């Protein structure tokens, strides 16, 4: 009898992880315009959701099942975010502020294959160079390292597009 109860708890946990991870990926695909793929993934998502929810609703007499559902949801969300990081769909815009004109940061970044727009800006302590760099998300960390290698005092932040 105990094996059956433990099996249900583990099944609820695993199925909910799958459901939420797939749900996260489906939302990402929808936002990025992959309509047909998102529609297909949503069918799988609903099948998994119905299975997980029916397992919980059929076994509400055991609070451990509800807890397994909730914990599986949280773990699934975390796994979904990790999958999203790995897929790295889309682009980011990186804004860079530097006061080092003599480094010619825009041209050095352009030589590495990035599109750079730059202009003169004024800050509290004087003139600064402002750069806007568009890059695929998969190159985000590589770009940060390249910026810091050229100008370790550069300030940068990003906006997802």
C-alpha atoms as a PDB file:
ATOM      1  CA  UNK A   1       0.000   0.000   0.000  1.00  0.00           C
ATOM      2  CA  UNK A   2       2.844   2.405   0.868  1.00  0.00           C
ATOM      3  CA  UNK A   3       4.556   1.836  -2.486  1.00  0.00           C
ATOM      4  CA  UNK A   4       1.393   2.947  -4.290  1.00  0.00           C
ATOM      5  CA  UNK A   5       1.131   6.150  -2.234  1.00  0.00           C
ATOM      6  CA  UNK A   6       4.805   6.974  -2.732  1.00  0.00           C
ATOM      7  CA  UNK A   7       4.469   6.241  -6.436  1.00  0.00           C
ATOM      8  CA  UNK A   8       1.543   8.657  -6.732  1.00  0.00           C
ATOM      9  CA  UNK A   9       3.478  11.385  -4.906  1.00  0.00           C
ATOM     10  CA  UNK A  10       6.544  10.933  -7.125  1.00  0.00           C
ATOM     11  CA  UNK A  11       4.385  10.833 -10.268  1.00  0.00           C
ATOM     12  CA  UNK A  12       2.563  14.038  -9.275  1.00  0.00           C
ATOM     13  CA  UNK A  13       5.898  15.728  -8.581  1.00  0.00           C
ATOM     14  CA  UNK A  14       7.508  14.695 -11.882  1.00  0.00           C
ATOM     15  CA  UNK A  15       4.438  15.361 -14.025  1.00  0.00           C
ATOM     16  CA  UNK A  16       4.065  18.846 -12.566  1.00  0.00           C
ATOM     17  CA  UNK A  17       7.729  19.607 -13.210  1.00  0.00           C
ATOM     18  CA  UNK A  18       7.180  18.647 -16.853  1.00  0.00           C
ATOM     19  CA  UNK A  19       3.980  20.685 -17.075  1.00  0.00           C
ATOM     20  CA  UNK A  20       5.454  23.915 -15.712  1.00  0.00           C
ATOM     21  CA  UNK A  21       8.728  23.613 -17.636  1.00  0.00           C
ATOM     22  CA  UNK A  22       6.810  23.078 -20.885  1.00  0.00           C
ATOM     23  CA  UNK A  23       4.458  25.924 -19.983  1.00  0.00           C
ATOM     24  CA  UNK A  24       7.417  28.264 -19.532  1.00  0.00           C
ATOM     25  CA  UNK A  25       8.893  27.253 -22.891  1.00  0.00           C
ATOM     26  CA  UNK A  26       5.482  27.639 -24.580  1.00  0.00           C
ATOM     27  CA  UNK A  27       5.131  31.154 -23.186  1.00  0.00           C
ATOM     28  CA  UNK A  28       8.596  32.035 -24.476  1.00  0.00           C
ATOM     29  CA  UNK A  29       7.810  30.628 -27.918  1.00  0.00           C
ATOM     30  CA  UNK A  30       4.558  32.604 -27.995  1.00  0.00           C
ATOM     31  CA  UNK A  31       6.294  35.856 -27.056  1.00  0.00           C
ATOM     32  CA  UNK A  32       8.990  35.330 -29.690  1.00  0.00           C
ATOM     33  CA  UNK A  33       6.454  34.687 -32.451  1.00  0.00           C
ATOM     34  CA  UNK A  34       6.866  30.929 -32.966  1.00  0.00           C
ATOM     35  CA  UNK A  35       3.087  30.481 -33.319  1.00  0.00           C
ATOM     36  CA  UNK A  36       2.856  26.977 -34.733  1.00  0.00           C
ATOM     37  CA  UNK A  37       5.477  25.507 -32.450  1.00  0.00           C
ATOM     38  CA  UNK A  38       3.849  27.231 -29.457  1.00  0.00           C
ATOM     39  CA  UNK A  39       0.452  25.789 -30.437  1.00  0.00           C
ATOM     40  CA  UNK A  40       1.910  22.290 -30.670  1.00  0.00           C
ATOM     41  CA  UNK A  41       3.717  22.627 -27.340  1.00  0.00           C
ATOM     42  CA  UNK A  42       0.496  23.904 -25.733  1.00  0.00           C
ATOM     43  CA  UNK A  43      -1.264  20.649 -26.687  1.00  0.00           C
ATOM     44  CA  UNK A  44       1.419  18.647 -24.879  1.00  0.00           C
ATOM     45  CA  UNK A  45       1.203  21.070 -21.965  1.00  0.00           C
ATOM     46  CA  UNK A  46      -2.542  20.520 -21.558  1.00  0.00           C
ATOM     47  CA  UNK A  47      -2.251  16.731 -21.708  1.00  0.00           C
ATOM     48  CA  UNK A  48       0.361  16.785 -18.951  1.00  0.00           C
ATOM     49  CA  UNK A  49      -1.667  19.316 -16.935  1.00  0.00           C
ATOM     50  CA  UNK A  50      -4.830  17.189 -17.029  1.00  0.00           C
ATOM     51  CA  UNK A  51      -2.891  14.107 -15.921  1.00  0.00           C
ATOM     52  CA  UNK A  52      -1.199  15.933 -13.028  1.00  0.00           C
ATOM     53  CA  UNK A  53      -4.362  17.662 -11.865  1.00  0.00           C
ATOM     54  CA  UNK A  54      -6.439  14.486 -12.038  1.00  0.00           C
ATOM     55  CA  UNK A  55      -3.848  12.656  -9.936  1.00  0.00           C
ATOM     56  CA  UNK A  56      -4.049  15.349  -7.272  1.00  0.00           C
ATOM     57  CA  UNK A  57      -7.841  15.664  -7.347  1.00  0.00           C
ATOM     58  CA  UNK A  58      -8.294  11.895  -7.155  1.00  0.00           C
ATOM     59  CA  UNK A  59      -5.982  11.744  -4.137  1.00  0.00           C
ATOM     60  CA  UNK A  60      -6.902  14.848  -2.139  1.00  0.00           C
ATOM     61  CA  UNK A  61      -7.132  12.768   1.042  1.00  0.00           C
ATOM     62  CA  UNK A  62      -3.349  12.918   1.312  1.00  0.00           C
ATOM     63  CA  UNK A  63      -1.803  16.357   1.902  1.00  0.00           C
ATOM     64  CA  UNK A  64       1.534  15.034   0.666  1.00  0.00           C
ATOM     65  CA  UNK A  65       0.057  14.852  -2.856  1.00  0.00           C
ATOM     66  CA  UNK A  66      -0.874  18.539  -2.738  1.00  0.00           C
ATOM     67  CA  UNK A  67       2.591  19.398  -1.419  1.00  0.00           C
ATOM     68  CA  UNK A  68       4.190  17.307  -4.189  1.00  0.00           C
ATOM     69  CA  UNK A  69       2.086  19.248  -6.707  1.00  0.00           C
ATOM     70  CA  UNK A  70       3.195  22.612  -5.277  1.00  0.00           C
ATOM     71  CA  UNK A  71       6.877  21.639  -4.987  1.00  0.00           C
ATOM     72  CA  UNK A  72       6.801  20.183  -8.515  1.00  0.00           C
ATOM     73  CA  UNK A  73       5.357  23.475  -9.717  1.00  0.00           C
ATOM     74  CA  UNK A  74       8.224  25.448  -8.152  1.00  0.00           C
ATOM     75  CA  UNK A  75      10.905  23.079  -9.431  1.00  0.00           C
ATOM     76  CA  UNK A  76       9.279  23.088 -12.876  1.00  0.00           C
ATOM     77  CA  UNK A  77       9.386  26.863 -12.965  1.00  0.00           C
ATOM     78  CA  UNK A  78      13.084  26.819 -12.087  1.00  0.00           C
ATOM     79  CA  UNK A  79      13.816  24.206 -14.774  1.00  0.00           C
ATOM     80  CA  UNK A  80      11.743  26.174 -17.288  1.00  0.00           C
ATOM     81  CA  UNK A  81      13.837  29.268 -16.601  1.00  0.00           C
ATOM     82  CA  UNK A  82      17.040  27.256 -17.086  1.00  0.00           C
ATOM     83  CA  UNK A  83      15.722  25.922 -20.404  1.00  0.00           C
ATOM     84  CA  UNK A  84      14.870  29.483 -21.428  1.00  0.00           C
ATOM     85  CA  UNK A  85      18.422  30.587 -20.584  1.00  0.00           C
ATOM     86  CA  UNK A  86      19.873  27.781 -22.695  1.00  0.00           C
ATOM     87  CA  UNK A  87      17.626  28.539 -25.673  1.00  0.00           C
ATOM     88  CA  UNK A  88      18.503  32.266 -25.402  1.00  0.00           C
ATOM     89  CA  UNK A  89      15.992  33.282 -28.046  1.00  0.00           C
ATOM     90  CA  UNK A  90      15.826  36.864 -29.126  1.00  0.00           C
ATOM     91  CA  UNK A  91      18.089  39.852 -28.784  1.00  0.00           C
ATOM     92  CA  UNK A  92      19.248  42.186 -26.077  1.00  0.00           C
ATOM     93  CA  UNK A  93      20.291  45.784 -26.246  1.00  0.00           C
ATOM     94  CA  UNK A  94      23.320  46.539 -24.102  1.00  0.00           C
ATOM     95  CA  UNK A  95      23.830  50.131 -23.005  1.00  0.00           C
ATOM     96  CA  UNK A  96      27.402  51.046 -22.139  1.00  0.00           C
ATOM     97  CA  UNK A  97      28.622  54.268 -20.527  1.00  0.00           C
ATOM     98  CA  UNK A  98      32.315  55.111 -20.538  1.00  0.00           C
ATOM     99  CA  UNK A  99      34.435  58.203 -20.070  1.00  0.00           C
ATOM    100  CA  UNK A 100      37.415  56.680 -21.890  1.00  0.00           C
ATOM    101  CA  UNK A 101      37.321  58.196 -25.398  1.00  0.00           C
ATOM    102  CA  UNK A 102      40.895  57.242 -26.185  1.00  0.00           C
ATOM    103  CA  UNK A 103      40.064  53.514 -26.099  1.00  0.00           C
ATOM    104  CA  UNK A 104      37.828  53.862 -29.171  1.00  0.00           C
ATOM    105  CA  UNK A 105      35.445  51.347 -27.611  1.00  0.00           C
ATOM    106  CA  UNK A 106      32.793  51.591 -30.378  1.00  0.00           C
ATOM    107  CA  UNK A 107      35.186  50.569 -33.148  1.00  0.00           C
ATOM    108  CA  UNK A 108      36.798  47.831 -31.082  1.00  0.00           C
ATOM    109  CA  UNK A 109      33.357  46.336 -30.370  1.00  0.00           C
ATOM    110  CA  UNK A 110      32.358  46.699 -34.046  1.00  0.00           C
ATOM    111  CA  UNK A 111      35.506  44.785 -35.057  1.00  0.00           C
ATOM    112  CA  UNK A 112      34.233  41.894 -32.930  1.00  0.00           C
ATOM    113  CA  UNK A 113      31.074  41.738 -35.071  1.00  0.00           C
ATOM    114  CA  UNK A 114      28.557  43.735 -33.028  1.00  0.00           C
ATOM    115  CA  UNK A 115      26.403  46.618 -34.219  1.00  0.00           C
ATOM    116  CA  UNK A 116      27.195  49.729 -32.172  1.00  0.00           C
ATOM    117  CA  UNK A 117      25.575  53.135 -32.054  1.00  0.00           C
ATOM    118  CA  UNK A 118      27.443  55.742 -30.011  1.00  0.00           C
ATOM    119  CA  UNK A 119      26.951  59.347 -28.987  1.00  0.00           C
ATOM    120  CA  UNK A 120      28.227  61.961 -26.585  1.00  0.00           C
ATOM    121  CA  UNK A 121      26.344  62.226 -23.285  1.00  0.00           C
ATOM    122  CA  UNK A 122      26.674  64.419 -20.239  1.00  0.00           C
ATOM    123  CA  UNK A 123      26.837  62.979 -16.740  1.00  0.00           C
ATOM    124  CA  UNK A 124      27.203  64.492 -13.301  1.00  0.00           C
ATOM    125  CA  UNK A 125      30.983  64.500 -13.580  1.00  0.00           C
ATOM    126  CA  UNK A 126      31.246  65.587 -17.210  1.00  0.00           C
ATOM    127  CA  UNK A 127      31.131  64.129 -20.691  1.00  0.00           C
ATOM    128  CA  UNK A 128      30.668  60.428 -21.281  1.00  0.00           C
ATOM    129  CA  UNK A 129      30.422  58.230 -24.321  1.00  0.00           C
ATOM    130  CA  UNK A 130      27.192  56.281 -24.559  1.00  0.00           C
ATOM    131  CA  UNK A 131      27.009  53.101 -26.631  1.00  0.00           C
ATOM    132  CA  UNK A 132      24.047  50.997 -27.604  1.00  0.00           C
ATOM    133  CA  UNK A 133      24.891  47.484 -28.760  1.00  0.00           C
ATOM    134  CA  UNK A 134      22.400  44.990 -30.203  1.00  0.00           C
ATOM    135  CA  UNK A 135      23.335  41.330 -29.915  1.00  0.00           C
ATOM    136  CA  UNK A 136      21.696  37.899 -29.873  1.00  0.00           C
ATOM    137  CA  UNK A 137      21.126  36.787 -26.268  1.00  0.00           C
ATOM    138  CA  UNK A 138      23.387  33.791 -26.733  1.00  0.00           C
ATOM    139  CA  UNK A 139      26.354  36.196 -26.999  1.00  0.00           C
ATOM    140  CA  UNK A 140      25.396  38.289 -23.968  1.00  0.00           C
ATOM    141  CA  UNK A 141      28.073  37.078 -21.530  1.00  0.00           C
ATOM    142  CA  UNK A 142      30.760  37.027 -24.214  1.00  0.00           C
ATOM    143  CA  UNK A 143      29.982  40.682 -24.993  1.00  0.00           C
ATOM    144  CA  UNK A 144      30.223  41.678 -21.321  1.00  0.00           C
ATOM    145  CA  UNK A 145      33.651  40.074 -21.056  1.00  0.00           C
ATOM    146  CA  UNK A 146      34.823  41.833 -24.205  1.00  0.00           C
ATOM    147  CA  UNK A 147      33.627  45.226 -22.959  1.00  0.00           C
ATOM    148  CA  UNK A 148      35.376  44.822 -19.597  1.00  0.00           C
ATOM    149  CA  UNK A 149      38.555  43.584 -21.313  1.00  0.00           C
ATOM    150  CA  UNK A 150      38.677  46.851 -23.257  1.00  0.00           C
ATOM    151  CA  UNK A 151      37.477  49.196 -20.466  1.00  0.00           C
ATOM    152  CA  UNK A 152      37.286  47.716 -16.986  1.00  0.00           C
ATOM    153  CA  UNK A 153      35.555  50.856 -15.666  1.00  0.00           C
ATOM    154  CA  UNK A 154      32.748  50.797 -18.244  1.00  0.00           C
ATOM    155  CA  UNK A 155      29.228  50.622 -16.864  1.00  0.00           C
ATOM    156  CA  UNK A 156      26.802  48.397 -18.772  1.00  0.00           C
ATOM    157  CA  UNK A 157      23.215  47.244 -18.493  1.00  0.00           C
ATOM    158  CA  UNK A 158      20.876  45.445 -20.845  1.00  0.00           C
ATOM    159  CA  UNK A 159      17.296  45.547 -22.078  1.00  0.00           C
ATOM    160  CA  UNK A 160      15.705  42.407 -23.513  1.00  0.00           C
ATOM    161  CA  UNK A 161      13.956  42.931 -26.823  1.00  0.00           C
END
